[in-house]
Amino acid sequence: MKHSLHVLIRVGSHPGPVRVEAEGCLTAASATDLIRIIDHGARLDGCSRVWVDLFSLDHMDLSGVAALKDHARRHQAVAPHLPRLEIFAPTMPRPCDARVGETAGAPR
């Protein structure tokens, strides 16, 4: 598997929450891309909150989760009128052996 992050955004036809589901590999570097996607979802008309689901990740660095949680806290502090961001993640890290451009588990 390549060191990459795949994101699915679920939005209903009626106002309500936006669900962002991440798959693949979350690191501090890929969290930046995910934050940009989350912010786009939060700007959708009728969005009441954004749920970020990290349970389908193959690999998860705690630094990536920390970056998302820090962003959610700053987002709420700076713009309390915008939809609330809620991060749902496993409590244990899932080690990531892959490096950008390499296949996970391949010799380095």
N, C-alpha and C. Protein backbone atom coordinates (compact mmCIF):
# COMPACT_ATOMS: atom_id res chain seq x y z
N MET A 1 0.84 -1.17 0.00
CA MET A 1 0.00 0.00 0.00
C MET A 1 0.89 1.23 0.00
N LYS A 2 0.51 2.22 -0.78
CA LYS A 2 1.23 3.48 -0.82
C LYS A 2 0.93 4.30 0.42
N HIS A 3 1.89 5.12 0.76
CA HIS A 3 1.77 6.05 1.88
C HIS A 3 0.87 7.19 1.43
N SER A 4 -0.45 7.03 1.61
CA SER A 4 -1.38 8.06 1.14
C SER A 4 -2.63 8.06 2.00
N LEU A 5 -3.39 9.13 1.84
CA LEU A 5 -4.63 9.30 2.60
C LEU A 5 -5.77 9.44 1.61
N HIS A 6 -6.86 8.72 1.85
CA HIS A 6 -8.05 8.79 1.01
C HIS A 6 -9.20 9.27 1.89
N VAL A 7 -10.00 10.17 1.35
CA VAL A 7 -11.05 10.79 2.15
C VAL A 7 -12.39 10.67 1.43
N LEU A 8 -13.41 10.30 2.18
CA LEU A 8 -14.78 10.24 1.69
C LEU A 8 -15.60 11.22 2.51
N ILE A 9 -16.35 12.08 1.84
CA ILE A 9 -17.21 13.04 2.53
C ILE A 9 -18.65 12.63 2.30
N ARG A 10 -19.39 12.44 3.39
CA ARG A 10 -20.81 12.08 3.31
C ARG A 10 -21.64 13.29 3.72
N VAL A 11 -22.52 13.69 2.80
CA VAL A 11 -23.38 14.85 3.03
C VAL A 11 -24.80 14.45 2.65
N GLY A 12 -25.75 14.74 3.52
CA GLY A 12 -27.15 14.45 3.22
C GLY A 12 -27.77 15.55 2.37
N SER A 13 -28.95 15.26 1.83
CA SER A 13 -29.65 16.25 1.01
C SER A 13 -30.37 17.29 1.86
N HIS A 14 -30.47 17.04 3.16
CA HIS A 14 -31.09 17.99 4.09
C HIS A 14 -30.01 18.53 5.02
N PRO A 15 -30.22 19.71 5.60
CA PRO A 15 -29.22 20.25 6.53
C PRO A 15 -28.92 19.28 7.66
N GLY A 16 -27.67 19.23 8.05
CA GLY A 16 -27.25 18.33 9.12
C GLY A 16 -25.75 18.19 9.15
N PRO A 17 -25.27 17.16 9.82
CA PRO A 17 -23.82 16.99 9.93
C PRO A 17 -23.19 16.52 8.62
N VAL A 18 -21.93 16.85 8.46
CA VAL A 18 -21.10 16.34 7.37
C VAL A 18 -20.18 15.32 8.01
N ARG A 19 -20.07 14.14 7.39
CA ARG A 19 -19.19 13.10 7.92
C ARG A 19 -18.00 12.95 6.99
N VAL A 20 -16.81 13.06 7.55
CA VAL A 20 -15.57 12.91 6.80
C VAL A 20 -14.92 11.62 7.27
N GLU A 21 -14.75 10.67 6.34
CA GLU A 21 -14.14 9.38 6.67
C GLU A 21 -12.78 9.29 6.01
N ALA A 22 -11.75 9.00 6.80
CA ALA A 22 -10.39 8.91 6.28
C ALA A 22 -9.94 7.45 6.25
N GLU A 23 -9.24 7.09 5.17
CA GLU A 23 -8.65 5.76 5.02
C GLU A 23 -7.21 5.93 4.59
N GLY A 24 -6.41 4.91 4.82
CA GLY A 24 -5.02 4.97 4.39
C GLY A 24 -4.10 5.30 5.55
N CYS A 25 -3.27 6.33 5.35
CA CYS A 25 -2.21 6.65 6.29
C CYS A 25 -2.30 8.10 6.76
N LEU A 26 -2.47 8.31 8.05
CA LEU A 26 -2.52 9.66 8.61
C LEU A 26 -1.24 9.95 9.38
N THR A 27 -0.55 11.00 8.96
CA THR A 27 0.65 11.49 9.63
C THR A 27 0.46 12.98 9.87
N ALA A 28 1.42 13.60 10.52
CA ALA A 28 1.35 15.05 10.71
C ALA A 28 1.30 15.75 9.35
N ALA A 29 2.05 15.24 8.37
CA ALA A 29 2.08 15.85 7.04
C ALA A 29 0.74 15.70 6.32
N SER A 30 0.16 14.50 6.35
CA SER A 30 -1.11 14.31 5.64
C SER A 30 -2.28 14.95 6.39
N ALA A 31 -2.12 15.21 7.68
CA ALA A 31 -3.17 15.88 8.45
C ALA A 31 -3.45 17.27 7.88
N THR A 32 -2.43 17.93 7.35
CA THR A 32 -2.61 19.25 6.75
C THR A 32 -3.60 19.19 5.59
N ASP A 33 -3.48 18.17 4.75
CA ASP A 33 -4.42 18.00 3.63
C ASP A 33 -5.82 17.68 4.15
N LEU A 34 -5.90 16.84 5.16
CA LEU A 34 -7.20 16.48 5.72
C LEU A 34 -7.87 17.69 6.36
N ILE A 35 -7.11 18.54 7.02
CA ILE A 35 -7.67 19.76 7.61
C ILE A 35 -8.28 20.65 6.54
N ARG A 36 -7.61 20.77 5.41
CA ARG A 36 -8.14 21.58 4.30
C ARG A 36 -9.47 21.02 3.82
N ILE A 37 -9.58 19.70 3.72
CA ILE A 37 -10.82 19.05 3.29
C ILE A 37 -11.92 19.25 4.33
N ILE A 38 -11.56 19.09 5.60
CA ILE A 38 -12.53 19.29 6.69
C ILE A 38 -13.09 20.71 6.65
N ASP A 39 -12.22 21.68 6.45
CA ASP A 39 -12.66 23.08 6.41
C ASP A 39 -13.61 23.34 5.24
N HIS A 40 -13.37 22.67 4.11
CA HIS A 40 -14.31 22.79 2.98
C HIS A 40 -15.68 22.23 3.37
N GLY A 41 -15.68 21.08 4.03
CA GLY A 41 -16.94 20.47 4.46
C GLY A 41 -17.70 21.34 5.44
N ALA A 42 -16.98 22.02 6.31
CA ALA A 42 -17.62 22.88 7.31
C ALA A 42 -18.29 24.10 6.67
N ARG A 43 -17.88 24.45 5.47
CA ARG A 43 -18.46 25.62 4.80
C ARG A 43 -19.69 25.28 3.95
N LEU A 44 -20.06 24.01 3.87
CA LEU A 44 -21.24 23.64 3.09
C LEU A 44 -22.50 24.21 3.73
N ASP A 45 -23.41 24.70 2.90
CA ASP A 45 -24.68 25.24 3.41
C ASP A 45 -25.42 24.19 4.22
N GLY A 46 -25.91 24.57 5.37
CA GLY A 46 -26.70 23.67 6.20
C GLY A 46 -25.90 22.75 7.09
N CYS A 47 -24.57 22.84 7.02
CA CYS A 47 -23.73 21.97 7.85
C CYS A 47 -23.83 22.41 9.31
N SER A 48 -24.26 21.50 10.17
CA SER A 48 -24.39 21.82 11.59
C SER A 48 -23.14 21.45 12.38
N ARG A 49 -22.44 20.44 11.92
CA ARG A 49 -21.18 20.01 12.54
C ARG A 49 -20.46 19.08 11.57
N VAL A 50 -19.19 18.86 11.82
CA VAL A 50 -18.39 17.95 10.99
C VAL A 50 -17.87 16.84 11.88
N TRP A 51 -18.22 15.61 11.53
CA TRP A 51 -17.71 14.44 12.23
C TRP A 51 -16.56 13.89 11.41
N VAL A 52 -15.40 13.75 12.02
CA VAL A 52 -14.23 13.20 11.34
C VAL A 52 -13.99 11.80 11.92
N ASP A 53 -14.16 10.79 11.07
CA ASP A 53 -14.06 9.38 11.47
C ASP A 53 -12.71 8.83 11.02
N LEU A 54 -11.85 8.48 11.98
CA LEU A 54 -10.51 7.96 11.67
C LEU A 54 -10.40 6.46 11.92
N PHE A 55 -11.50 5.79 12.15
CA PHE A 55 -11.46 4.37 12.50
C PHE A 55 -11.13 3.45 11.32
N SER A 56 -11.20 3.93 10.09
CA SER A 56 -10.89 3.09 8.94
C SER A 56 -9.45 3.26 8.46
N LEU A 57 -8.64 4.02 9.19
CA LEU A 57 -7.24 4.20 8.80
C LEU A 57 -6.47 2.90 8.94
N ASP A 58 -5.57 2.65 7.98
CA ASP A 58 -4.67 1.51 8.08
C ASP A 58 -3.51 1.84 9.03
N HIS A 59 -3.02 3.06 8.91
CA HIS A 59 -1.90 3.54 9.72
C HIS A 59 -2.26 4.90 10.29
N MET A 60 -1.90 5.12 11.55
CA MET A 60 -2.25 6.39 12.19
C MET A 60 -1.14 6.78 13.16
N ASP A 61 -0.52 7.93 12.89
CA ASP A 61 0.45 8.49 13.83
C ASP A 61 -0.30 9.41 14.78
N LEU A 62 0.07 9.36 16.04
CA LEU A 62 -0.58 10.23 17.02
C LEU A 62 -0.35 11.71 16.71
N SER A 63 0.76 12.02 16.04
CA SER A 63 1.03 13.42 15.67
C SER A 63 -0.02 13.93 14.70
N GLY A 64 -0.50 13.07 13.82
CA GLY A 64 -1.56 13.46 12.88
C GLY A 64 -2.88 13.71 13.60
N VAL A 65 -3.21 12.83 14.54
CA VAL A 65 -4.45 13.00 15.32
C VAL A 65 -4.35 14.27 16.17
N ALA A 66 -3.20 14.50 16.76
CA ALA A 66 -3.00 15.71 17.58
C ALA A 66 -3.18 16.97 16.75
N ALA A 67 -2.67 16.96 15.51
CA ALA A 67 -2.83 18.12 14.63
C ALA A 67 -4.31 18.38 14.34
N LEU A 68 -5.08 17.32 14.11
CA LEU A 68 -6.51 17.47 13.86
C LEU A 68 -7.25 18.01 15.09
N LYS A 69 -6.93 17.46 16.25
CA LYS A 69 -7.59 17.91 17.49
C LYS A 69 -7.22 19.35 17.82
N ASP A 70 -5.97 19.73 17.59
CA ASP A 70 -5.55 21.12 17.81
C ASP A 70 -6.32 22.05 16.88
N HIS A 71 -6.46 21.63 15.62
CA HIS A 71 -7.20 22.45 14.66
C HIS A 71 -8.66 22.61 15.10
N ALA A 72 -9.26 21.52 15.56
CA ALA A 72 -10.67 21.58 16.00
C ALA A 72 -10.82 22.54 17.18
N ARG A 73 -9.88 22.51 18.12
CA ARG A 73 -9.94 23.43 19.27
C ARG A 73 -9.78 24.89 18.82
N ARG A 74 -8.81 25.15 17.94
CA ARG A 74 -8.60 26.52 17.44
C ARG A 74 -9.82 26.99 16.66
N HIS A 75 -10.36 26.10 15.83
CA HIS A 75 -11.54 26.41 15.02
C HIS A 75 -12.69 26.86 15.91
N GLN A 76 -12.92 26.13 16.98
CA GLN A 76 -14.03 26.45 17.89
C GLN A 76 -13.77 27.74 18.65
N ALA A 77 -12.52 27.97 19.04
CA ALA A 77 -12.18 29.18 19.81
C ALA A 77 -12.27 30.43 18.95
N VAL A 78 -11.82 30.34 17.71
CA VAL A 78 -11.78 31.50 16.82
C VAL A 78 -13.13 31.77 16.18
N ALA A 79 -13.85 30.71 15.85
CA ALA A 79 -15.11 30.87 15.11
C ALA A 79 -16.21 30.00 15.72
N PRO A 80 -16.68 30.35 16.92
CA PRO A 80 -17.69 29.51 17.58
C PRO A 80 -19.02 29.46 16.83
N HIS A 81 -19.25 30.39 15.91
CA HIS A 81 -20.49 30.41 15.13
C HIS A 81 -20.46 29.39 13.98
N LEU A 82 -19.26 28.88 13.63
CA LEU A 82 -19.15 27.89 12.56
C LEU A 82 -19.45 26.50 13.10
N PRO A 83 -19.71 25.54 12.19
CA PRO A 83 -20.01 24.17 12.63
C PRO A 83 -18.88 23.61 13.51
N ARG A 84 -19.28 22.88 14.52
CA ARG A 84 -18.32 22.25 15.43
C ARG A 84 -17.63 21.08 14.73
N LEU A 85 -16.32 20.94 14.95
CA LEU A 85 -15.55 19.82 14.41
C LEU A 85 -15.36 18.79 15.51
N GLU A 86 -15.74 17.54 15.22
CA GLU A 86 -15.59 16.46 16.20
C GLU A 86 -14.73 15.37 15.59
N ILE A 87 -13.65 15.02 16.28
CA ILE A 87 -12.69 14.03 15.79
C ILE A 87 -12.92 12.72 16.55
N PHE A 88 -13.17 11.64 15.82
CA PHE A 88 -13.35 10.31 16.40
C PHE A 88 -12.20 9.43 15.93
N ALA A 89 -11.36 8.99 16.89
CA ALA A 89 -10.16 8.23 16.54
C ALA A 89 -9.93 7.10 17.52
N PRO A 90 -9.28 6.02 17.06
CA PRO A 90 -8.87 4.97 17.98
C PRO A 90 -7.91 5.54 19.03
N THR A 91 -7.87 4.94 20.20
CA THR A 91 -6.99 5.45 21.26
C THR A 91 -5.54 5.02 21.08
N MET A 92 -5.31 3.94 20.39
CA MET A 92 -3.95 3.45 20.18
C MET A 92 -3.46 3.80 18.78
N PRO A 93 -2.19 4.19 18.65
CA PRO A 93 -1.66 4.48 17.32
C PRO A 93 -1.57 3.20 16.50
N ARG A 94 -1.61 3.37 15.21
CA ARG A 94 -1.39 2.26 14.29
C ARG A 94 -0.10 2.61 13.55
N PRO A 95 1.00 1.93 13.88
CA PRO A 95 2.31 2.31 13.33
C PRO A 95 2.32 2.36 11.81
N CYS A 96 3.05 3.32 11.31
CA CYS A 96 3.16 3.52 9.87
C CYS A 96 4.59 3.26 9.44
N ASP A 97 4.80 2.21 8.66
CA ASP A 97 6.14 1.88 8.18
C ASP A 97 6.43 2.50 6.83
N ALA A 98 5.41 2.96 6.14
CA ALA A 98 5.60 3.49 4.79
C ALA A 98 6.23 4.87 4.83
N ARG A 99 6.91 5.22 3.77
CA ARG A 99 7.44 6.56 3.56
C ARG A 99 6.88 7.04 2.23
N VAL A 100 6.83 8.32 2.03
CA VAL A 100 6.27 8.87 0.79
C VAL A 100 6.94 8.21 -0.40
N GLY A 101 6.13 7.69 -1.32
CA GLY A 101 6.63 7.07 -2.53
C GLY A 101 7.02 5.62 -2.38
N GLU A 102 6.98 5.07 -1.17
CA GLU A 102 7.33 3.67 -0.96
C GLU A 102 6.07 2.86 -0.70
N THR A 103 6.20 1.57 -0.84
CA THR A 103 5.12 0.66 -0.51
C THR A 103 5.30 0.20 0.92
N ALA A 104 4.23 0.19 1.69
CA ALA A 104 4.31 -0.24 3.09
C ALA A 104 4.88 -1.64 3.16
N GLY A 105 5.81 -1.85 4.07
CA GLY A 105 6.39 -3.16 4.27
C GLY A 105 7.54 -3.48 3.33
N ALA A 106 7.79 -2.65 2.31
CA ALA A 106 8.88 -2.89 1.37
C ALA A 106 10.21 -2.53 2.03
N PRO A 107 11.29 -3.24 1.68
CA PRO A 107 12.59 -2.90 2.26
C PRO A 107 13.03 -1.50 1.84
N ARG A 108 13.74 -0.83 2.74
CA ARG A 108 14.22 0.53 2.46
C ARG A 108 15.65 0.51 2.07
